[in-house]
N, C-alpha and C. Protein backbone atom coordinates (compact mmCIF):
# COMPACT_ATOMS: atom_id res chain seq x y z
N UNK A 1 0.88 -1.11 0.06
CA UNK A 1 -0.05 0.10 -0.03
C UNK A 1 0.83 1.30 0.04
N UNK A 2 1.86 1.30 0.69
CA UNK A 2 2.63 2.42 0.84
C UNK A 2 3.53 2.80 -0.27
N UNK A 3 3.75 1.90 -1.14
CA UNK A 3 4.54 2.28 -2.48
C UNK A 3 3.46 2.75 -3.54
N UNK A 4 2.19 2.80 -3.21
CA UNK A 4 1.54 3.33 -4.42
C UNK A 4 1.49 4.77 -4.46
N UNK A 5 1.78 5.25 -5.68
CA UNK A 5 1.87 6.82 -6.08
C UNK A 5 0.45 7.22 -5.97
N UNK A 6 0.01 8.57 -5.56
CA UNK A 6 -1.13 9.09 -5.49
C UNK A 6 -1.97 8.86 -6.96
N UNK A 7 -1.16 9.08 -8.09
CA UNK A 7 -1.85 8.80 -9.46
C UNK A 7 -2.26 7.19 -9.54
N UNK A 8 -1.55 6.38 -9.01
CA UNK A 8 -1.84 4.89 -9.05
C UNK A 8 -3.03 4.63 -8.08
N UNK A 9 -2.94 5.26 -6.90
CA UNK A 9 -4.20 5.09 -6.02
C UNK A 9 -5.47 5.50 -6.65
N UNK A 10 -5.37 6.77 -7.34
CA UNK A 10 -6.65 7.21 -7.94
C UNK A 10 -7.23 6.16 -8.96
N UNK A 11 -6.19 5.66 -9.80
CA UNK A 11 -6.66 4.68 -10.89
C UNK A 11 -7.19 3.39 -10.32
N UNK A 12 -6.66 2.94 -9.19
CA UNK A 12 -7.26 1.74 -8.36
C UNK A 12 -8.69 2.31 -7.75
N UNK A 13 -8.62 3.31 -7.16
CA UNK A 13 -9.93 3.69 -6.62
C UNK A 13 -10.96 3.86 -7.42
N UNK A 14 -10.84 4.31 -8.85
CA UNK A 14 -11.83 4.58 -9.68
C UNK A 14 -12.36 3.00 -10.21
N UNK A 15 -11.48 2.15 -10.37
CA UNK A 15 -11.73 0.96 -10.69
C UNK A 15 -12.68 0.07 -9.82
N UNK A 16 -12.20 0.19 -8.42
CA UNK A 16 -12.71 -0.62 -7.44
C UNK A 16 -14.19 0.07 -7.02
N UNK A 17 -14.26 1.56 -6.94
CA UNK A 17 -15.51 2.06 -6.91
C UNK A 17 -16.47 1.67 -8.00
N UNK A 18 -16.17 1.57 -9.19
CA UNK A 18 -16.90 1.26 -10.40
C UNK A 18 -17.61 -0.07 -10.11
N UNK A 19 -16.81 -1.05 -9.56
CA UNK A 19 -17.40 -2.37 -9.43
C UNK A 19 -17.92 -2.82 -8.05
N UNK A 20 -18.06 -1.90 -7.27
CA UNK A 20 -18.53 -2.01 -5.93
C UNK A 20 -19.79 -2.86 -5.80
N UNK A 21 -20.56 -2.68 -6.74
CA UNK A 21 -21.88 -3.29 -6.76
C UNK A 21 -21.83 -4.94 -7.01
N UNK A 22 -20.65 -5.22 -7.57
CA UNK A 22 -20.46 -6.60 -8.14
C UNK A 22 -19.61 -7.35 -7.03
N UNK A 23 -19.05 -6.69 -6.11
CA UNK A 23 -18.39 -7.40 -5.21
C UNK A 23 -19.06 -8.16 -4.07
N UNK A 24 -18.30 -9.26 -3.87
CA UNK A 24 -18.80 -10.10 -2.69
C UNK A 24 -18.60 -9.18 -1.35
N UNK A 25 -19.51 -9.26 -0.28
CA UNK A 25 -19.49 -8.48 0.86
C UNK A 25 -18.04 -8.52 1.53
N UNK A 26 -17.31 -9.64 1.54
CA UNK A 26 -16.13 -9.87 2.20
C UNK A 26 -15.12 -8.74 1.60
N UNK A 27 -15.07 -8.69 0.05
CA UNK A 27 -14.20 -7.93 -0.68
C UNK A 27 -14.65 -6.41 -0.50
N UNK A 28 -15.89 -6.28 -0.37
CA UNK A 28 -16.43 -4.80 -0.12
C UNK A 28 -16.01 -4.02 1.07
N UNK A 29 -16.08 -5.01 2.11
CA UNK A 29 -15.56 -4.41 3.51
C UNK A 29 -14.24 -4.15 3.48
N UNK A 30 -13.44 -5.07 2.90
CA UNK A 30 -11.92 -4.77 2.79
C UNK A 30 -11.64 -3.69 2.11
N UNK A 31 -12.24 -3.45 0.91
CA UNK A 31 -12.00 -2.24 0.03
C UNK A 31 -12.49 -0.84 0.74
N UNK A 32 -13.54 -1.14 1.45
CA UNK A 32 -13.95 0.11 2.34
C UNK A 32 -12.97 0.53 3.45
N UNK A 33 -12.39 -0.51 4.01
CA UNK A 33 -11.36 -0.30 5.24
C UNK A 33 -10.17 0.19 4.74
N UNK A 34 -9.68 -0.27 3.33
CA UNK A 34 -8.58 0.12 2.84
C UNK A 34 -8.61 1.60 2.52
N UNK A 35 -10.00 1.94 1.97
CA UNK A 35 -10.22 3.34 1.51
C UNK A 35 -10.21 4.23 2.70
N UNK A 36 -10.83 3.80 3.70
CA UNK A 36 -10.72 4.61 4.84
C UNK A 36 -9.42 4.96 5.53
N UNK A 37 -8.74 3.92 5.58
CA UNK A 37 -7.37 4.03 5.93
C UNK A 37 -6.62 4.99 5.13
N UNK A 38 -6.60 4.98 4.01
CA UNK A 38 -6.15 5.93 3.03
C UNK A 38 -6.41 7.20 3.31
N UNK A 39 -7.87 7.35 3.38
CA UNK A 39 -8.35 8.86 3.79
C UNK A 39 -7.81 9.44 4.98
N UNK A 40 -7.63 8.74 6.04
CA UNK A 40 -7.16 9.00 7.36
C UNK A 40 -5.81 9.31 7.34
N UNK A 41 -4.85 8.69 6.52
CA UNK A 41 -3.56 8.95 6.29
C UNK A 41 -3.25 10.17 5.52
N UNK A 42 -4.09 10.51 4.53
CA UNK A 42 -3.93 11.70 3.67
C UNK A 42 -4.62 13.03 4.30
N UNK A 43 -5.13 13.02 5.28
CA UNK A 43 -5.76 14.24 5.93
C UNK A 43 -4.86 15.18 6.53
């Protein structure tokens, strides 16, 4: 995670946000946790 550049993070975020409705619950919860962690670190 720490090695992702901001531009790489934005690409990943766009993709994962687009497929949220298709994700199984476990993957969605993990994605939301990673997203919250990133948001907390960049504030």
